[in-house]
Amino acid sequence: MGKPENSITLLKDSEWSIIENEACRVVHFTPFALISNGEIHDAGLTMPYCSLTIECAKLPSQATGYITHKIDFANLWKVFKERGVNEEEEVIIIWTRKNYKTSLAKLTSAIMPKLWVMICHKYAFEEINDPDSRPDLKGIAYWNEISPIEEFKPDVMQ
């Protein structure tokens, strides 16, 4: 049984770029590799490290994104397998090739990690995409509600 015809797959940078700098909620994390004793044991040279089912305001439906960079995978592993995400939290990612600290990193973005992974309060995704969804939250209260509880950003990113 294959994927539905209207399914969205994000593997190459050109495919991921449609959601560049957009907040996306991770619905499901499926590792194909694992980390033990600090070492990544991958599923083979041609296999991604994991897949993510995500939803993003810019997409008409959920998408499957494949993670092919070790650092991005390691950060997702820390969130989902080491720390864990409780019922009152959700994971939001931002995929980007633009927020690097140095010009050299920008020039070599094809080989750089691209995910900023954040653990946020549940419903932060809705509040980010519709600031009017909670009219009772203004100013600092709104900021506290959408700010990450914990974040995992590659060192090369701003």
Protein backbone atom coordinates (compact mmCIF):
# COMPACT_ATOMS: atom_id res chain seq x y z
CA MET A 1 0.00 0.00 0.00
CA GLY A 2 1.57 3.29 -1.12
CA LYS A 3 1.21 6.86 0.02
CA PRO A 4 -1.91 8.83 -0.92
CA GLU A 5 -1.52 10.79 -4.17
CA ASN A 6 -1.77 14.15 -2.41
CA SER A 7 0.86 13.31 0.20
CA ILE A 8 3.70 15.79 0.61
CA THR A 9 7.24 14.47 0.91
CA LEU A 10 10.19 16.63 1.93
CA LEU A 11 13.61 15.09 1.28
CA LYS A 12 15.77 17.43 -0.78
CA ASP A 13 16.48 21.06 0.17
CA SER A 14 14.39 22.20 -2.79
CA GLU A 15 11.39 20.38 -1.30
CA TRP A 16 11.98 21.56 2.28
CA SER A 17 12.46 25.15 1.04
CA ILE A 18 8.68 25.61 0.62
CA ILE A 19 8.49 25.87 4.42
CA GLU A 20 11.72 27.80 4.98
CA ASN A 21 11.63 29.70 8.31
CA GLU A 22 8.06 28.52 9.03
CA ALA A 23 7.09 27.01 12.39
CA CYS A 24 5.98 23.40 11.90
CA ARG A 25 4.57 21.09 14.55
CA VAL A 26 6.02 17.58 14.71
CA VAL A 27 3.18 15.08 14.88
CA HIS A 28 5.33 11.94 14.76
CA PHE A 29 9.04 11.04 14.92
CA THR A 30 10.15 7.78 13.28
CA PRO A 31 13.84 6.97 13.71
CA PHE A 32 15.60 4.71 11.21
CA ALA A 33 18.91 5.08 13.06
CA LEU A 34 19.63 5.05 16.76
CA ILE A 35 22.09 6.57 19.17
CA SER A 36 23.82 4.48 21.83
CA ASN A 37 26.84 5.43 23.91
CA GLY A 38 26.88 8.79 22.09
CA GLU A 39 27.37 7.16 18.69
CA ILE A 40 24.91 7.22 15.80
CA HIS A 41 24.20 3.83 14.28
CA ASP A 42 22.57 4.60 10.95
CA ALA A 43 20.49 2.39 8.71
CA GLY A 44 22.90 2.64 5.76
CA LEU A 45 24.45 5.28 3.55
CA THR A 46 21.37 5.80 1.41
CA MET A 47 18.80 5.88 4.23
CA PRO A 48 17.72 9.02 6.08
CA TYR A 49 18.27 9.03 9.85
CA CYS A 50 14.56 9.50 10.53
CA SER A 51 11.28 10.80 9.24
CA LEU A 52 8.95 13.37 10.73
CA THR A 53 5.26 13.82 10.17
CA ILE A 54 4.72 17.56 10.37
CA GLU A 55 1.99 20.11 9.98
CA CYS A 56 2.68 23.63 8.88
CA ALA A 57 0.37 26.55 8.12
CA LYS A 58 1.96 26.86 4.68
CA LEU A 59 1.07 23.28 3.72
CA PRO A 60 -2.40 22.05 2.72
CA SER A 61 -1.97 18.80 4.68
CA GLN A 62 0.50 16.96 6.85
CA ALA A 63 3.87 16.20 5.27
CA THR A 64 6.55 13.58 5.73
CA GLY A 65 9.99 15.11 6.09
CA TYR A 66 13.15 13.03 5.95
CA ILE A 67 16.16 14.05 8.04
CA THR A 68 19.54 13.41 6.44
CA HIS A 69 21.93 15.44 8.63
CA LYS A 70 23.51 13.86 11.73
CA ILE A 71 23.22 16.98 13.90
CA ASP A 72 19.55 17.47 13.04
CA PHE A 73 18.89 13.81 13.85
CA ALA A 74 20.88 13.99 17.11
CA ASN A 75 18.83 16.99 18.26
CA LEU A 76 15.55 15.25 17.44
CA TRP A 77 16.77 12.12 19.25
CA LYS A 78 17.59 14.23 22.34
CA VAL A 79 14.07 15.64 22.33
CA PHE A 80 12.05 12.51 21.61
CA LYS A 81 14.16 9.66 23.00
CA GLU A 82 16.27 11.18 25.78
CA ARG A 83 14.25 14.07 27.23
CA GLY A 84 10.78 13.09 26.10
CA VAL A 85 7.78 15.30 25.41
CA ASN A 86 4.93 15.32 27.92
CA GLU A 87 1.20 15.84 27.32
CA GLU A 88 1.43 19.58 27.99
CA GLU A 89 4.18 20.12 25.40
CA GLU A 90 4.66 19.93 21.65
CA VAL A 91 7.68 19.99 19.37
CA ILE A 92 8.03 22.75 16.82
CA ILE A 93 10.75 22.82 14.19
CA ILE A 94 11.97 25.51 11.86
CA TRP A 95 13.85 24.42 8.74
CA THR A 96 16.23 27.07 7.43
CA ARG A 97 19.27 27.67 5.24
CA LYS A 98 19.41 31.37 6.03
CA ASN A 99 20.14 31.77 9.76
CA TYR A 100 23.81 30.82 9.86
CA LYS A 101 26.36 32.80 11.87
CA THR A 102 29.08 33.07 9.22
CA SER A 103 29.30 33.71 5.49
CA LEU A 104 31.20 30.46 5.06
CA ALA A 105 28.36 28.51 6.68
CA LYS A 106 25.89 30.26 4.36
CA LEU A 107 28.00 29.36 1.32
CA THR A 108 28.15 25.72 2.38
CA SER A 109 24.53 25.50 3.54
CA ALA A 110 23.97 22.37 1.42
CA ILE A 111 26.04 20.36 3.92
CA MET A 112 24.99 22.22 7.07
CA PRO A 113 22.32 21.20 9.59
CA LYS A 114 19.03 22.97 8.99
CA LEU A 115 16.68 22.30 11.89
CA TRP A 116 15.98 24.43 14.92
CA VAL A 117 14.09 22.09 17.27
CA MET A 118 11.99 23.55 20.09
CA ILE A 119 9.92 22.05 22.86
CA CYS A 120 7.04 24.43 23.48
CA HIS A 121 3.88 24.61 25.54
CA LYS A 122 0.98 22.70 24.01
CA TYR A 123 -0.98 24.87 21.57
CA ALA A 124 1.99 27.18 20.90
CA PHE A 125 1.75 26.18 17.24
CA GLU A 126 -1.82 27.52 17.00
CA GLU A 127 -0.90 30.68 18.88
CA ILE A 128 2.11 31.34 16.61
CA ASN A 129 -0.04 30.92 13.51
CA ASP A 130 -3.06 32.79 14.88
CA PRO A 131 -2.08 35.36 17.52
CA ASP A 132 -5.78 36.21 17.96
CA SER A 133 -6.64 32.64 19.03
CA ARG A 134 -6.06 33.61 22.66
CA PRO A 135 -7.22 37.21 23.12
CA ASP A 136 -6.59 36.84 26.87
CA LEU A 137 -2.83 36.61 26.19
CA LYS A 138 -1.10 39.90 25.51
CA GLY A 139 2.47 41.14 25.76
CA ILE A 140 4.70 39.15 28.10
CA ALA A 141 2.01 36.52 28.75
CA TYR A 142 1.73 35.84 25.01
CA TRP A 143 5.52 35.76 24.63
CA ASN A 144 5.88 33.32 27.55
CA GLU A 145 3.24 31.06 26.02
CA ILE A 146 4.91 30.80 22.59
CA SER A 147 8.55 30.84 23.74
CA PRO A 148 10.39 27.51 23.73
CA ILE A 149 10.68 25.67 27.04
CA GLU A 150 13.85 24.15 25.65
CA GLU A 151 15.53 24.46 22.28
CA PHE A 152 18.14 22.59 20.30
CA LYS A 153 19.84 24.67 17.64
CA PRO A 154 23.03 23.72 15.77
CA ASP A 155 26.06 25.77 16.84
CA VAL A 156 26.42 27.19 13.31
CA MET A 157 23.02 28.92 13.56
CA GLN A 158 22.30 32.35 14.98
